[in-house]
Structures are given as structure tokens and as C-alpha cells.
Amino acid sequence: MPEKPVYQALPLPDRRTFPDAEMERQARDFLGLVKTRHSIRDFSERPVPRRVIDTCIAAAGTAPSGANQQPWHFVAISDQAMKHKVRLAAEAEEEKFYDGGGSDEWLAALEPIGTDAVKRHLDVAPWLIVIFAQRWGYRDGERVKHYYVPESVGIATGVLITALHTAGLSCLTHTPNPMKFLNGLCDRPENEKPVMILAVGHPAADATVPAVAKKKKPLDQIMTVYEGNP
């Protein structure tokens, strides 16, 4: 039988504590940074060093997760032949979607985004990062159930996207459906479910974004406050 993990408390190893005015400044600065993040489909062929990708994925790996099980795996691809295989397989699924697989309502919702079945960015972007969610894992040879997997992987993906943006890179989330083909292409086991492809790189000189993407809901539509007395 594997040894049962036990709880052990450690003193908080790191602290970031600021006066109120500095907290407000830090929050404003971060808002300003993330407001410059844009999803793009037009990538430059300018290379991106692997060490930058390594560091950003390491940042994603610090994300909180259910029971600290860290139920994620990231496959980073810069090999041109493999990227092309991903593109061909993804486009095959996308063609089914745009040729009747997707509902009229769904297709109408996508119209302002300007997407179609052609995914040239999967060839052009210097890196593709395929994100897998581990539905279960193993400890000492024993199968271990993972908890809050979608939530945990979603948080880690958000950290990854923000880390890439902080490093000066752009990315595009891509979710062909179904994505099971990625297990075979990336040689990942059956306990891992592919959830997303991130195309990563620098924007092309003529990169564009859909006008609708600049329309964000105002704060009063995304936030409800129950404020007590200070």
C-alpha cells in the first residue's frame, strides 16, 4: 500500500504586502497590462526561444489546484512537421463543424469573430502548446482520482496566457471538437483529456483583431458587491 500523505503546516514562505495606495497602483498597473492582451490569428514567423516557453509553462504550474493534484500536462510543439499534422487533423474536425456539425445559433455567434475551418495559424505560429487535463493520476503505482479538474486546468491556463502576454507574446485559444486526435499525435495516455491548443508567437505586422473583441462588459455587469462597514 502507498504511504498515506499527511498534513504538515509550514510558515508562509512569501509575502507581498503593500500600503493601500500601493495596492491600488499595482492593481491599476495590472489592469493596464491585461487590457493590452489580444487574441490574434496573424502570427509572425519570428522565432520564440524555448526558454521563454519553458518559463511561462513553469508559471502555469504554480497555479492552485484541487487537493494540490496539479492535474495538467502541457505539450509544447515547435517542430514544423508536427505542427502541420495538428493543423490537418484540427481542420478536418473544423470542416465538419462548419459544414453542418455546429448549430445555426453557434455559427451565428461566431460570425463577428470571423472564424472559419482554415487554421493557417497552426502552421505559422512558432509554438503550439497543447493543454491536457489529467482525469486521474498515479501515486506509487496506484490510480488516484483527481478533483476539480476543469477548474484547476482553467486556472492554470489563465496563468499561462497571462505569463505569455507578460513576456511580450500573443496567443490564440483553439478548441477543435472532438480533440481526441491530440492524444495520439502528442503520445499522451488515456487519463489525459486534451482541452485546448494555444498558438503562441509574435503578431504579424498586419495582424488584426475582430472589432467585437474590443467590446468588454463594464464592471457593473460582471460584478456584484455586498460591502460591509470598513
Protein backbone atom coordinates (compact mmCIF):
# COMPACT_ATOMS: atom_id res chain seq x y z
CA MET A 1 0.00 0.00 0.00
CA PRO A 2 1.30 3.51 -0.82
CA GLU A 3 2.10 5.68 2.18
CA LYS A 4 -0.78 7.99 3.04
CA PRO A 5 0.14 11.69 2.73
CA VAL A 6 -0.19 13.63 5.98
CA TYR A 7 -0.86 17.29 6.66
CA GLN A 8 2.16 19.38 7.61
CA ALA A 9 1.99 23.15 8.13
CA LEU A 10 4.83 25.41 7.01
CA PRO A 11 5.27 29.11 7.73
CA LEU A 12 4.10 31.25 4.80
CA PRO A 13 7.28 31.37 2.66
CA ASP A 14 6.48 34.51 0.63
CA ARG A 15 4.53 37.69 1.30
CA ARG A 16 3.51 40.61 -0.88
CA THR A 17 2.09 43.28 1.38
CA PHE A 18 1.63 46.92 0.34
CA PRO A 19 0.06 50.04 1.78
CA ASP A 20 -3.44 50.68 0.41
CA ALA A 21 -2.31 53.31 -2.10
CA GLU A 22 0.36 50.98 -3.48
CA MET A 23 -2.15 48.12 -3.71
CA GLU A 24 -4.39 50.35 -5.81
CA ARG A 25 -1.48 51.31 -8.06
CA GLN A 26 -0.42 47.71 -8.52
CA ALA A 27 -3.99 46.72 -9.39
CA ARG A 28 -4.31 49.58 -11.92
CA ASP A 29 -0.96 48.69 -13.50
CA PHE A 30 -2.01 45.06 -13.88
CA LEU A 31 -5.35 46.06 -15.39
CA GLY A 32 -3.48 48.24 -17.86
CA LEU A 33 -1.24 45.31 -18.77
CA VAL A 34 -4.01 42.77 -19.36
CA LYS A 35 -6.08 45.28 -21.34
CA THR A 36 -3.31 45.15 -23.96
CA ARG A 37 -3.78 41.38 -24.40
CA HIS A 38 -5.44 40.42 -27.69
CA SER A 39 -6.19 37.08 -29.33
CA ILE A 40 -4.70 37.07 -32.83
CA ARG A 41 -4.73 34.79 -35.85
CA ASP A 42 -1.96 36.51 -37.79
CA PHE A 43 1.44 35.42 -36.48
CA SER A 44 4.95 36.47 -37.44
CA GLU A 45 7.46 33.78 -38.28
CA ARG A 46 9.89 35.35 -35.79
CA PRO A 47 11.22 32.53 -33.58
CA VAL A 48 10.48 32.37 -29.86
CA PRO A 49 13.22 30.89 -27.63
CA ARG A 50 12.25 27.66 -25.91
CA ARG A 51 13.41 29.01 -22.56
CA VAL A 52 10.62 31.61 -22.71
CA ILE A 53 8.03 28.87 -23.29
CA ASP A 54 9.60 26.77 -20.50
CA THR A 55 9.37 29.66 -18.05
CA CYS A 56 5.77 30.51 -18.92
CA ILE A 57 4.68 26.89 -18.52
CA ALA A 58 6.56 26.73 -15.22
CA ALA A 59 4.50 29.75 -14.14
CA ALA A 60 1.31 27.92 -15.13
CA GLY A 61 2.45 25.01 -12.99
CA THR A 62 2.31 27.21 -9.88
CA ALA A 63 -1.48 27.61 -10.20
CA PRO A 64 -3.72 26.44 -7.35
CA SER A 65 -5.47 23.11 -7.92
CA GLY A 66 -7.95 20.82 -6.21
CA ALA A 67 -6.15 18.92 -3.41
CA ASN A 68 -2.90 20.23 -4.97
CA GLN A 69 -3.05 17.40 -7.51
CA GLN A 70 -1.91 19.65 -10.37
CA PRO A 71 -3.97 17.74 -12.96
CA TRP A 72 -2.41 19.21 -16.09
CA HIS A 73 0.17 18.48 -18.72
CA PHE A 74 1.47 20.86 -21.39
CA VAL A 75 2.89 19.69 -24.72
CA ALA A 76 4.95 22.40 -26.44
CA ILE A 77 5.49 21.92 -30.17
CA SER A 78 7.80 23.86 -32.45
CA ASP A 79 8.55 21.03 -34.91
CA GLN A 80 7.10 22.18 -38.23
CA ALA A 81 6.05 18.73 -39.42
CA MET A 82 4.22 18.01 -36.17
CA LYS A 83 2.51 21.41 -36.19
CA HIS A 84 1.27 20.66 -39.69
CA LYS A 85 -0.14 17.31 -38.56
CA VAL A 86 -2.02 19.12 -35.80
CA ARG A 87 -3.35 21.61 -38.32
CA LEU A 88 -4.57 18.95 -40.74
CA ALA A 89 -6.33 16.99 -38.00
CA ALA A 90 -7.84 20.12 -36.47
CA GLU A 91 -9.09 21.38 -39.83
CA ALA A 92 -10.73 18.03 -40.54
CA GLU A 93 -12.82 18.44 -37.37
CA GLU A 94 -13.47 22.12 -38.07
CA GLU A 95 -14.74 21.35 -41.57
CA LYS A 96 -17.34 19.02 -40.08
CA PHE A 97 -18.39 21.73 -37.64
CA TYR A 98 -18.76 24.46 -40.25
CA ASP A 99 -20.41 22.06 -42.70
CA GLY A 100 -23.41 21.31 -40.52
CA GLY A 101 -21.99 19.94 -37.28
CA GLY A 102 -22.43 23.24 -35.48
CA SER A 103 -25.86 24.67 -34.76
CA ASP A 104 -27.08 27.74 -36.63
CA GLU A 105 -27.09 29.66 -33.35
CA TRP A 106 -23.48 28.74 -32.64
CA LEU A 107 -22.34 29.63 -36.14
CA ALA A 108 -24.18 32.96 -35.91
CA ALA A 109 -22.40 33.73 -32.63
CA LEU A 110 -19.04 33.12 -34.35
CA GLU A 111 -19.75 35.36 -37.35
CA PRO A 112 -18.50 38.60 -35.73
CA ILE A 113 -15.26 36.81 -34.80
CA GLY A 114 -14.56 35.97 -38.45
CA THR A 115 -13.51 32.35 -37.96
CA ASP A 116 -13.74 29.51 -40.46
CA ALA A 117 -12.36 25.99 -40.93
CA VAL A 118 -8.97 27.20 -42.21
CA LYS A 119 -6.43 27.29 -39.37
CA ARG A 120 -3.27 28.63 -41.02
CA HIS A 121 -2.01 29.96 -37.68
CA LEU A 122 -1.37 26.38 -36.53
CA ASP A 123 1.39 26.21 -39.15
CA VAL A 124 2.73 29.76 -38.80
CA ALA A 125 2.86 30.33 -35.04
CA PRO A 126 6.33 29.35 -33.77
CA TRP A 127 4.86 27.30 -30.92
CA LEU A 128 1.73 25.31 -30.25
CA ILE A 129 1.02 24.43 -26.63
CA VAL A 130 -1.48 21.62 -26.22
CA ILE A 131 -3.09 21.59 -22.77
CA PHE A 132 -4.21 18.27 -21.31
CA ALA A 133 -6.37 17.70 -18.23
CA GLN A 134 -5.50 14.63 -16.17
CA ARG A 135 -8.75 12.99 -15.09
CA TRP A 136 -6.82 10.72 -12.77
CA GLY A 137 -3.19 10.17 -11.87
CA TYR A 138 -0.92 7.64 -10.23
CA ARG A 139 0.95 7.58 -6.92
CA ASP A 140 3.29 4.72 -6.12
CA GLY A 141 1.69 2.73 -8.94
CA GLU A 142 -1.84 3.22 -7.59
CA ARG A 143 -4.54 5.03 -9.54
CA VAL A 144 -5.59 8.28 -7.81
CA LYS A 145 -8.77 10.21 -8.61
CA HIS A 146 -8.29 13.92 -9.36
CA TYR A 147 -10.74 16.53 -8.12
CA TYR A 148 -11.89 19.86 -9.58
CA VAL A 149 -10.01 19.08 -12.78
CA PRO A 150 -11.71 21.55 -15.19
CA GLU A 151 -11.49 24.35 -12.64
CA SER A 152 -7.82 23.65 -11.88
CA VAL A 153 -6.78 23.39 -15.53
CA GLY A 154 -8.76 26.54 -16.35
CA ILE A 155 -6.88 28.49 -13.69
CA ALA A 156 -3.51 27.18 -14.89
CA THR A 157 -4.40 28.08 -18.48
CA GLY A 158 -5.26 31.62 -17.41
CA VAL A 159 -1.89 31.91 -15.67
CA LEU A 160 -0.16 30.60 -18.80
CA ILE A 161 -1.90 33.07 -21.11
CA THR A 162 -1.06 35.94 -18.76
CA ALA A 163 2.57 34.80 -18.46
CA LEU A 164 2.89 34.66 -22.26
CA HIS A 165 1.43 38.15 -22.56
CA THR A 166 3.75 39.48 -19.86
CA ALA A 167 6.68 38.08 -21.87
CA GLY A 168 5.53 40.06 -24.92
CA LEU A 169 3.91 37.20 -26.80
CA SER A 170 0.46 36.78 -28.30
CA CYS A 171 -1.64 33.64 -28.41
CA LEU A 172 -4.88 32.22 -29.72
CA THR A 173 -7.02 29.66 -27.95
CA HIS A 174 -8.24 26.91 -30.26
CA THR A 175 -10.65 24.12 -29.29
CA PRO A 176 -11.47 21.79 -32.19
CA ASN A 177 -14.18 19.34 -31.25
CA PRO A 178 -13.56 16.48 -30.75
CA MET A 179 -9.88 16.70 -29.82
CA LYS A 180 -9.07 13.05 -29.13
CA PHE A 181 -6.68 13.08 -32.09
CA LEU A 182 -4.28 15.10 -29.95
CA ASN A 183 -3.66 12.16 -27.62
CA GLY A 184 -2.27 10.16 -30.50
CA LEU A 185 -0.28 12.99 -32.07
CA CYS A 186 1.23 14.00 -28.71
CA ASP A 187 1.63 10.45 -27.35
CA ARG A 188 -0.39 11.19 -24.22
CA PRO A 189 -2.07 8.48 -22.07
CA GLU A 190 -5.78 7.75 -21.80
CA ASN A 191 -6.16 9.50 -18.44
CA GLU A 192 -5.42 12.84 -20.11
CA LYS A 193 -8.10 14.78 -21.98
CA PRO A 194 -6.99 17.48 -24.45
CA VAL A 195 -8.80 20.72 -23.69
CA MET A 196 -7.10 23.40 -25.76
CA ILE A 197 -4.43 24.31 -28.28
CA LEU A 198 -2.64 27.62 -27.75
CA ALA A 199 -0.93 29.05 -30.81
CA VAL A 200 1.89 31.25 -29.49
CA GLY A 201 4.18 33.79 -31.08
CA HIS A 202 4.65 37.41 -32.11
CA PRO A 203 1.92 39.19 -34.06
CA ALA A 204 2.46 39.73 -37.77
CA ALA A 205 2.98 43.28 -38.98
CA ASP A 206 -0.52 43.23 -40.50
CA ALA A 207 -2.21 41.41 -37.59
CA THR A 208 -5.83 42.31 -36.94
CA VAL A 209 -8.43 41.62 -34.28
CA PRO A 210 -12.22 41.47 -34.68
CA ALA A 211 -13.81 44.79 -33.75
CA VAL A 212 -16.25 42.96 -31.49
CA ALA A 213 -13.34 41.64 -29.41
CA LYS A 214 -12.72 45.16 -28.10
CA LYS A 215 -16.20 45.30 -26.59
CA LYS A 216 -15.87 44.19 -22.98
CA LYS A 217 -18.68 44.18 -20.46
CA PRO A 218 -18.44 47.07 -17.98
CA LEU A 219 -17.65 46.36 -14.35
CA ASP A 220 -21.22 46.83 -13.18
CA GLN A 221 -22.31 43.96 -15.46
CA ILE A 222 -19.72 41.47 -14.22
CA MET A 223 -19.55 42.35 -10.52
CA THR A 224 -21.96 42.34 -7.59
CA VAL A 225 -20.81 43.72 -4.24
CA TYR A 226 -22.10 43.19 -0.72
CA GLU A 227 -19.89 45.64 1.17
CA GLY A 228 -19.75 45.80 4.93
CA ASN A 229 -18.57 48.62 7.12
CA PRO A 230 -14.80 49.25 7.00
